[in-house]
C-alpha cells in the first residue's frame, strides 16, 4: 500500500475515533434519549404515572411532526416508588448505564434531593421536577431548571386565603422529610409575615398512612384550618380521621398532593377541601395550552382523563423541547442549558415561562381550587 494512501486511511480512522469520542451522551443522528425517575408504583404512583403521561403526549406530538432537528425523542422512565435511595440509584443508572442526554419530570422533593449531587457532578440537565422545594432553587444550580412555582408561593397563597377568611388558628400536617419540611417553612414564613404563628403540627412518614398521632396532636388545638404538605393517600387518611374525631377545619393542600387522586381517595368526604395549583385549569378550553394538551393526551392515551399532573408533565415537555430546538442540530448538554437560559417570556400557549443565567425558576403562577360535589374540581 502506498504511504500516502496508508496515511489517509489512518487519518480517516483517527477522525472517526474522535467523532465517536466526542459524541454527546444520549444523542444519535436519529434520536435523543431522556431519563426520568418517578413513582410508578406504590402509594404515590398516581403522581408519577400522570407526569409521565403528559411528557409522552407531547413527545409523541413532536415525533409525529418529525422530531426535534430530525431526531425522535425517547423517554426512559424508571420506578423509584417515591423513595430517595431508589431515585439516586436510578439516576446513576440513567446517566452512567443508559447514557441519557438529560433528566426530565422527576417526581418529589426527597427523590430530587438525593439525585441532585449525582446529576450536578455529571453536568446533566435536570428539567421540570414535580417539586416546589427551595433546595432546587437556591442557590441557582446551572443544571436545574424549575418550571412550577415554589412551595413558598403556594403556601403564601393558602395562608393569605385562610387569614382573609378570618381563620388564624392554623395547623400544619406535613410529611416528615425534605418535602414536608419545605412546605412547613413556607407556612411559617407566610404566617410570620402576618404577625401570626402556627398553632400546632402533626407529621406522617413518607409512603405511610399512619396518621393517628398527627390527628391526636392537631385535633387537641381545634384548628380553624389545616395546611397539608404530603401526598394524596396520607392526606386523605388524615382528613377522614380528623372528621371521625369531630374536627372539620378548612383543609388546604399544596399542588403536590395530587388533586384528582385526592378527590378519588376521599369520595364524598372531599367536598370543600382546597388545593393550590401551579399550572392552569386542565378543563379551561379558553386556554390554547389546555386545548392542545387535551387533544394530545387523548391522542396518546385514548382517554379524556385530564388532570393537573399530566398537564404539568406536558408543560415540562414543551419547555424541554423548546430548549432542544434552540440548541440547534449540533446539540450538547451545555448548548441546551444555554438555550434554556435564553427563554425570556416564552409563551407556552398562554402560560409564560422565563429564565436567565441567574434565574432558573420558570413560573410563579399559583391559583386556588376546591373539591366540589361529586369530586368535581372547581376554581
Protein backbone atom coordinates (compact mmCIF):
# COMPACT_ATOMS: atom_id res chain seq x y z
CA UNK A 1 0.00 0.00 0.00
CA UNK A 2 1.29 3.43 -0.92
CA UNK A 3 2.42 5.56 2.04
CA UNK A 4 0.10 8.40 1.07
CA UNK A 5 -2.95 6.11 0.93
CA UNK A 6 -2.00 4.49 4.25
CA UNK A 7 -1.68 7.92 5.89
CA UNK A 8 -5.07 8.94 4.54
CA UNK A 9 -6.69 5.80 5.96
CA UNK A 10 -5.06 6.39 9.36
CA UNK A 11 -6.25 10.00 9.36
CA UNK A 12 -9.80 8.93 8.46
CA UNK A 13 -9.79 6.26 11.18
CA UNK A 14 -8.49 8.77 13.72
CA UNK A 15 -11.20 11.23 12.75
CA UNK A 16 -13.81 8.51 13.19
CA UNK A 17 -12.50 7.71 16.66
CA UNK A 18 -12.52 11.40 17.55
CA UNK A 19 -16.10 11.80 16.37
CA UNK A 20 -17.25 8.80 18.42
CA UNK A 21 -15.36 10.04 21.46
CA UNK A 22 -16.89 13.48 21.21
CA UNK A 23 -20.47 12.28 20.65
CA UNK A 24 -22.85 13.69 23.27
CA UNK A 25 -24.40 11.06 25.56
CA UNK A 26 -27.97 10.23 24.61
CA UNK A 27 -27.73 11.89 21.20
CA UNK A 28 -27.59 9.97 17.93
CA UNK A 29 -28.18 11.17 14.37
CA UNK A 30 -31.79 9.99 14.69
CA UNK A 31 -32.72 10.31 18.34
CA UNK A 32 -32.37 11.81 21.81
CA UNK A 33 -32.76 9.70 24.94
CA UNK A 34 -34.24 11.41 28.00
CA UNK A 35 -34.39 9.92 31.51
CA UNK A 36 -36.96 10.09 34.29
CA UNK A 37 -37.17 8.63 37.80
CA UNK A 38 -40.65 8.74 39.32
CA UNK A 39 -43.11 6.84 41.48
CA UNK A 40 -44.71 4.45 39.00
CA UNK A 41 -45.84 2.03 41.71
CA UNK A 42 -46.70 2.41 45.39
CA UNK A 43 -48.79 4.91 47.37
CA UNK A 44 -47.70 7.90 45.26
CA UNK A 45 -47.87 6.15 41.89
CA UNK A 46 -50.63 8.35 40.51
CA UNK A 47 -48.26 11.33 40.64
CA UNK A 48 -45.52 9.63 38.64
CA UNK A 49 -47.86 7.98 36.16
CA UNK A 50 -49.63 11.24 35.35
CA UNK A 51 -46.39 13.21 34.98
CA UNK A 52 -45.13 10.54 32.58
CA UNK A 53 -48.35 10.55 30.53
CA UNK A 54 -48.12 14.29 29.99
CA UNK A 55 -44.50 14.13 28.85
CA UNK A 56 -45.20 11.25 26.47
CA UNK A 57 -48.23 13.02 25.00
CA UNK A 58 -46.11 15.97 23.90
CA UNK A 59 -43.15 13.83 22.83
CA UNK A 60 -45.50 11.84 20.59
CA UNK A 61 -46.83 15.06 19.03
CA UNK A 62 -43.27 16.21 18.31
CA UNK A 63 -42.15 12.84 16.96
CA UNK A 64 -45.13 12.62 14.58
CA UNK A 65 -44.08 16.01 13.20
CA UNK A 66 -40.52 14.79 12.54
CA UNK A 67 -38.89 15.21 15.93
CA UNK A 68 -36.50 17.94 17.01
CA UNK A 69 -33.98 18.87 14.34
CA UNK A 70 -34.70 15.48 12.75
CA UNK A 71 -34.28 13.47 15.97
CA UNK A 72 -37.00 11.40 17.61
CA UNK A 73 -37.46 11.76 21.38
CA UNK A 74 -37.48 8.74 23.68
CA UNK A 75 -38.34 8.84 27.39
CA UNK A 76 -36.91 6.13 29.63
CA UNK A 77 -38.76 6.07 32.96
CA UNK A 78 -37.54 4.14 36.00
CA UNK A 79 -39.68 3.48 39.05
CA UNK A 80 -38.43 4.80 42.38
CA UNK A 81 -41.62 4.24 44.40
CA UNK A 82 -41.16 7.79 45.79
CA UNK A 83 -38.11 6.63 47.77
CA UNK A 84 -34.94 8.71 47.80
CA UNK A 85 -32.44 5.83 47.75
CA UNK A 86 -34.11 4.25 44.74
CA UNK A 87 -34.20 7.58 42.92
CA UNK A 88 -30.47 8.05 43.49
CA UNK A 89 -29.77 4.55 42.17
CA UNK A 90 -31.98 5.23 39.16
CA UNK A 91 -30.13 8.46 38.46
CA UNK A 92 -26.79 6.65 38.45
CA UNK A 93 -28.27 4.07 36.05
CA UNK A 94 -29.80 6.63 33.71
CA UNK A 95 -26.61 8.70 33.49
CA UNK A 96 -23.90 6.06 33.62
CA UNK A 97 -25.50 2.97 32.05
CA UNK A 98 -28.28 4.27 29.83
CA UNK A 99 -26.29 7.40 28.91
CA UNK A 100 -29.32 9.71 28.75
CA UNK A 101 -28.90 13.22 27.41
CA UNK A 102 -30.89 14.89 30.19
CA UNK A 103 -33.35 14.23 33.03
CA UNK A 104 -36.97 15.37 32.87
CA UNK A 105 -40.01 15.24 35.12
CA UNK A 106 -38.66 13.74 38.35
CA UNK A 107 -41.40 13.49 40.98
CA UNK A 108 -40.84 14.63 44.54
CA UNK A 109 -38.53 16.63 46.76
CA UNK A 110 -36.70 13.81 48.61
CA UNK A 111 -36.10 11.95 45.35
CA UNK A 112 -34.82 15.08 43.62
CA UNK A 113 -32.67 15.98 46.62
CA UNK A 114 -31.00 12.55 46.62
CA UNK A 115 -30.35 12.81 42.87
CA UNK A 116 -29.05 16.38 42.89
CA UNK A 117 -25.37 15.71 43.71
CA UNK A 118 -25.28 12.93 41.09
CA UNK A 119 -26.58 14.88 38.10
CA UNK A 120 -24.76 18.05 39.18
CA UNK A 121 -21.40 16.27 39.26
CA UNK A 122 -22.12 14.72 35.87
CA UNK A 123 -23.31 18.10 34.47
CA UNK A 124 -26.58 16.59 33.26
CA UNK A 125 -29.54 18.98 32.82
CA UNK A 126 -32.44 18.36 35.23
CA UNK A 127 -35.67 19.93 33.99
CA UNK A 128 -39.22 20.30 35.26
CA UNK A 129 -39.16 18.41 38.55
CA UNK A 130 -42.54 17.95 40.23
CA UNK A 131 -41.35 19.80 43.35
CA UNK A 132 -41.54 23.34 44.66
CA UNK A 133 -38.74 22.99 47.21
CA UNK A 134 -36.20 25.77 47.71
CA UNK A 135 -33.34 23.23 47.67
CA UNK A 136 -33.86 23.07 43.89
CA UNK A 137 -33.98 26.85 43.61
CA UNK A 138 -31.49 28.45 45.99
CA UNK A 139 -28.67 28.85 45.20
CA UNK A 140 -29.07 28.69 41.43
CA UNK A 141 -27.69 25.43 40.00
CA UNK A 142 -26.65 25.69 36.34
CA UNK A 143 -28.20 22.31 35.55
CA UNK A 144 -31.57 22.65 37.35
CA UNK A 145 -34.49 24.31 35.57
CA UNK A 146 -37.72 24.61 37.55
CA UNK A 147 -40.96 25.26 35.73
CA UNK A 148 -43.57 25.27 38.52
CA UNK A 149 -43.93 27.92 41.22
CA UNK A 150 -42.27 27.24 44.59
CA UNK A 151 -43.89 25.82 47.71
CA UNK A 152 -43.23 29.21 49.29
CA UNK A 153 -45.50 30.78 46.67
CA UNK A 154 -48.18 28.12 47.19
CA UNK A 155 -48.18 28.31 50.97
CA UNK A 156 -48.27 32.11 50.81
CA UNK A 157 -51.46 31.86 48.73
CA UNK A 158 -53.02 29.36 51.15
CA UNK A 159 -52.18 31.36 54.28
CA UNK A 160 -53.41 34.52 52.58
CA UNK A 161 -56.76 32.87 51.86
CA UNK A 162 -57.06 31.44 55.38
CA UNK A 163 -56.40 34.78 57.04
CA UNK A 164 -58.72 36.62 54.66
CA UNK A 165 -61.43 34.19 55.80
CA UNK A 166 -60.59 35.01 59.42
CA UNK A 167 -59.00 31.61 60.06
CA UNK A 168 -55.99 32.42 62.22
CA UNK A 169 -55.67 29.20 64.22
CA UNK A 170 -53.74 27.31 61.55
CA UNK A 171 -52.10 23.91 61.96
CA UNK A 172 -49.78 22.07 59.58
CA UNK A 173 -49.89 18.36 58.74
CA UNK A 174 -46.68 17.50 56.95
CA UNK A 175 -44.65 14.63 55.60
CA UNK A 176 -41.57 14.04 57.72
CA UNK A 177 -38.95 14.59 55.01
CA UNK A 178 -37.47 17.37 52.89
CA UNK A 179 -40.76 17.90 51.04
CA UNK A 180 -42.84 18.30 54.17
CA UNK A 181 -40.26 20.49 55.86
CA UNK A 182 -40.04 22.73 52.79
CA UNK A 183 -43.78 23.27 52.93
CA UNK A 184 -43.70 23.81 56.70
CA UNK A 185 -41.05 26.51 56.25
CA UNK A 186 -43.23 28.20 53.68
CA UNK A 187 -46.24 28.25 56.01
CA UNK A 188 -44.09 29.58 58.86
CA UNK A 189 -42.81 32.43 56.68
CA UNK A 190 -46.29 33.33 55.46
CA UNK A 191 -47.70 33.31 59.00
CA UNK A 192 -44.79 35.38 60.37
CA UNK A 193 -45.37 37.93 57.62
CA UNK A 194 -48.83 38.46 59.13
CA UNK A 195 -47.65 38.52 62.74
CA UNK A 196 -49.02 35.02 63.39
CA UNK A 197 -47.63 31.64 64.45
CA UNK A 198 -48.57 28.10 63.52
CA UNK A 199 -50.88 26.74 66.21
CA UNK A 200 -49.80 23.10 66.01
CA UNK A 201 -48.19 20.46 63.81
CA UNK A 202 -48.50 16.76 63.07
CA UNK A 203 -46.34 14.52 60.91
CA UNK A 204 -46.59 11.38 58.80
CA UNK A 205 -43.81 9.28 57.31
CA UNK A 206 -43.42 9.16 53.54
CA UNK A 207 -45.45 6.38 51.85
CA UNK A 208 -47.39 5.81 55.08
CA UNK A 209 -51.00 6.37 56.19
CA UNK A 210 -50.20 6.06 59.90
CA UNK A 211 -51.83 9.37 60.85
CA UNK A 212 -53.26 8.67 64.33
CA UNK A 213 -50.52 10.58 66.18
CA UNK A 214 -50.88 13.56 63.86
CA UNK A 215 -54.65 13.59 64.34
CA UNK A 216 -54.19 13.49 68.13
CA UNK A 217 -51.63 16.31 68.11
CA UNK A 218 -53.64 18.59 65.82
CA UNK A 219 -57.19 17.85 66.98
CA UNK A 220 -56.42 18.93 70.55
CA UNK A 221 -55.87 22.53 69.41
CA UNK A 222 -59.15 22.57 67.45
CA UNK A 223 -57.67 24.34 64.41
CA UNK A 224 -59.72 26.54 62.11
CA UNK A 225 -57.58 25.50 59.15
CA UNK A 226 -55.02 22.77 58.43
CA UNK A 227 -52.48 23.18 55.65
CA UNK A 228 -51.27 19.78 54.46
CA UNK A 229 -47.90 19.03 52.89
CA UNK A 230 -47.99 15.36 51.91
CA UNK A 231 -49.22 13.03 49.16
CA UNK A 232 -52.81 12.05 48.45
CA UNK A 233 -53.15 8.81 50.41
CA UNK A 234 -51.80 10.18 53.69
CA UNK A 235 -53.75 13.44 53.31
CA UNK A 236 -56.96 11.53 52.62
CA UNK A 237 -56.35 9.32 55.66
CA UNK A 238 -55.71 12.38 57.83
CA UNK A 239 -58.87 14.17 56.69
CA UNK A 240 -61.04 11.09 57.31
CA UNK A 241 -59.61 10.54 60.79
CA UNK A 242 -59.96 14.21 61.72
CA UNK A 243 -63.64 14.08 60.79
CA UNK A 244 -64.07 10.95 62.88
CA UNK A 245 -62.62 12.97 65.77
CA UNK A 246 -65.35 15.58 65.19
CA UNK A 247 -62.85 18.03 63.71
CA UNK A 248 -63.82 19.76 60.49
CA UNK A 249 -61.45 22.69 59.88
CA UNK A 250 -60.79 24.10 56.44
CA UNK A 251 -58.42 21.54 54.89
CA UNK A 252 -55.92 23.02 52.43
CA UNK A 253 -53.24 21.31 50.30
CA UNK A 254 -50.35 22.29 48.08
CA UNK A 255 -50.41 21.03 44.49
CA UNK A 256 -48.08 18.06 45.02
CA UNK A 257 -50.87 16.24 46.85
CA UNK A 258 -52.31 15.11 43.51
CA UNK A 259 -55.69 16.77 43.09
CA UNK A 260 -57.59 14.13 41.14
CA UNK A 261 -56.12 11.30 43.20
CA UNK A 262 -57.06 13.06 46.44
CA UNK A 263 -60.62 13.64 45.25
CA UNK A 264 -60.92 9.97 44.27
CA UNK A 265 -59.49 8.80 47.62
CA UNK A 266 -61.88 10.97 49.63
CA UNK A 267 -65.07 10.49 47.62
CA UNK A 268 -67.95 12.39 49.27
CA UNK A 269 -65.69 13.41 52.18
CA UNK A 270 -63.59 15.57 49.87
CA UNK A 271 -66.15 18.29 49.32
CA UNK A 272 -64.75 21.67 50.38
CA UNK A 273 -61.08 20.63 50.51
CA UNK A 274 -58.86 23.29 48.95
CA UNK A 275 -55.77 22.79 46.76
CA UNK A 276 -53.35 25.34 45.36
CA UNK A 277 -52.32 24.78 41.73
CA UNK A 278 -49.24 25.76 39.76
CA UNK A 279 -50.50 25.01 36.24
CA UNK A 280 -53.66 26.23 34.50
CA UNK A 281 -57.06 24.59 34.95
CA UNK A 282 -56.95 21.44 32.75
CA UNK A 283 -60.60 21.87 31.68
CA UNK A 284 -60.40 25.54 30.64
CA UNK A 285 -60.95 25.34 26.90
CA UNK A 286 -60.45 29.09 26.64
CA UNK A 287 -56.72 28.37 27.02
CA UNK A 288 -54.77 27.45 23.85
CA UNK A 289 -52.40 25.39 26.02
CA UNK A 290 -55.26 23.38 27.52
CA UNK A 291 -56.87 22.75 24.14
CA UNK A 292 -53.62 21.38 22.75
CA UNK A 293 -52.96 19.36 25.91
CA UNK A 294 -56.41 17.76 25.81
CA UNK A 295 -56.04 16.89 22.13
CA UNK A 296 -52.57 15.40 22.53
CA UNK A 297 -53.35 13.48 25.73
CA UNK A 298 -56.43 11.91 24.12
CA UNK A 299 -54.38 11.02 21.04
CA UNK A 300 -51.67 9.47 23.20
CA UNK A 301 -53.77 7.56 25.75
CA UNK A 302 -57.11 7.10 24.01
CA UNK A 303 -58.78 8.62 27.06
CA UNK A 304 -60.00 12.04 28.17
CA UNK A 305 -58.74 11.73 31.74
CA UNK A 306 -57.44 15.27 32.11
CA UNK A 307 -55.80 16.45 35.33
CA UNK A 308 -53.20 18.80 36.77
CA UNK A 309 -50.46 16.16 36.98
CA UNK A 310 -50.42 15.21 33.31
CA UNK A 311 -50.76 18.87 32.31
CA UNK A 312 -47.65 19.66 34.37
CA UNK A 313 -45.76 16.90 32.58
CA UNK A 314 -47.00 18.23 29.23
CA UNK A 315 -45.80 21.76 30.02
CA UNK A 316 -42.43 20.44 31.20
CA UNK A 317 -42.03 18.55 27.92
CA UNK A 318 -42.91 21.64 25.88
CA UNK A 319 -40.31 23.76 27.64
CA UNK A 320 -37.75 20.96 27.30
CA UNK A 321 -38.39 20.64 23.56
CA UNK A 322 -38.14 24.39 23.00
CA UNK A 323 -34.72 24.29 24.64
CA UNK A 324 -33.66 21.47 22.33
CA UNK A 325 -34.86 23.36 19.26
CA UNK A 326 -32.96 26.48 20.22
CA UNK A 327 -29.81 24.46 20.96
CA UNK A 328 -29.71 23.56 17.26
CA UNK A 329 -28.81 20.42 15.31
CA UNK A 330 -25.38 20.10 16.98
CA UNK A 331 -26.94 19.87 20.42
CA UNK A 332 -24.83 19.31 23.52
CA UNK A 333 -25.80 19.49 27.16
CA UNK A 334 -24.04 22.82 27.59
CA UNK A 335 -25.69 24.31 24.50
CA UNK A 336 -29.03 23.04 25.77
CA UNK A 337 -28.51 24.77 29.12
CA UNK A 338 -27.54 27.99 27.32
CA UNK A 339 -30.65 27.67 25.15
CA UNK A 340 -32.94 27.28 28.16
CA UNK A 341 -31.37 30.36 29.73
CA UNK A 342 -32.33 32.25 26.55
CA UNK A 343 -36.05 31.55 27.09
CA UNK A 344 -37.22 35.00 28.12
CA UNK A 345 -41.02 35.21 28.41
CA UNK A 346 -41.64 32.06 26.40
CA UNK A 347 -45.37 31.80 25.67
CA UNK A 348 -46.44 28.19 26.23
CA UNK A 349 -49.98 28.54 24.92
CA UNK A 350 -50.76 31.38 27.31
CA UNK A 351 -48.57 30.09 30.16
CA UNK A 352 -45.41 32.26 30.37
CA UNK A 353 -42.06 30.71 31.26
CA UNK A 354 -38.87 32.72 31.63
CA UNK A 355 -35.23 32.02 32.54
CA UNK A 356 -31.92 33.84 32.69
CA UNK A 357 -28.43 32.70 33.66
CA UNK A 358 -29.10 33.98 37.18
CA UNK A 359 -32.72 32.81 37.47
CA UNK A 360 -33.89 29.23 36.80
CA UNK A 361 -37.44 29.46 38.19
CA UNK A 362 -39.67 29.48 35.14
CA UNK A 363 -43.05 30.42 36.63
CA UNK A 364 -44.70 31.99 39.67
CA UNK A 365 -48.23 31.02 38.62
CA UNK A 366 -50.48 29.95 41.53
CA UNK A 367 -54.25 29.70 41.71
CA UNK A 368 -56.64 28.07 44.17
CA UNK A 369 -59.16 25.30 43.57
CA UNK A 370 -61.59 23.32 45.69
CA UNK A 371 -63.14 19.87 45.51
CA UNK A 372 -66.87 20.23 44.89
CA UNK A 373 -69.84 17.92 44.70
CA UNK A 374 -69.29 14.54 43.03
CA UNK A 375 -65.48 15.01 43.17
CA UNK A 376 -65.57 17.86 40.66
CA UNK A 377 -62.66 20.29 40.81
CA UNK A 378 -63.76 23.92 40.92
CA UNK A 379 -61.81 27.16 40.51
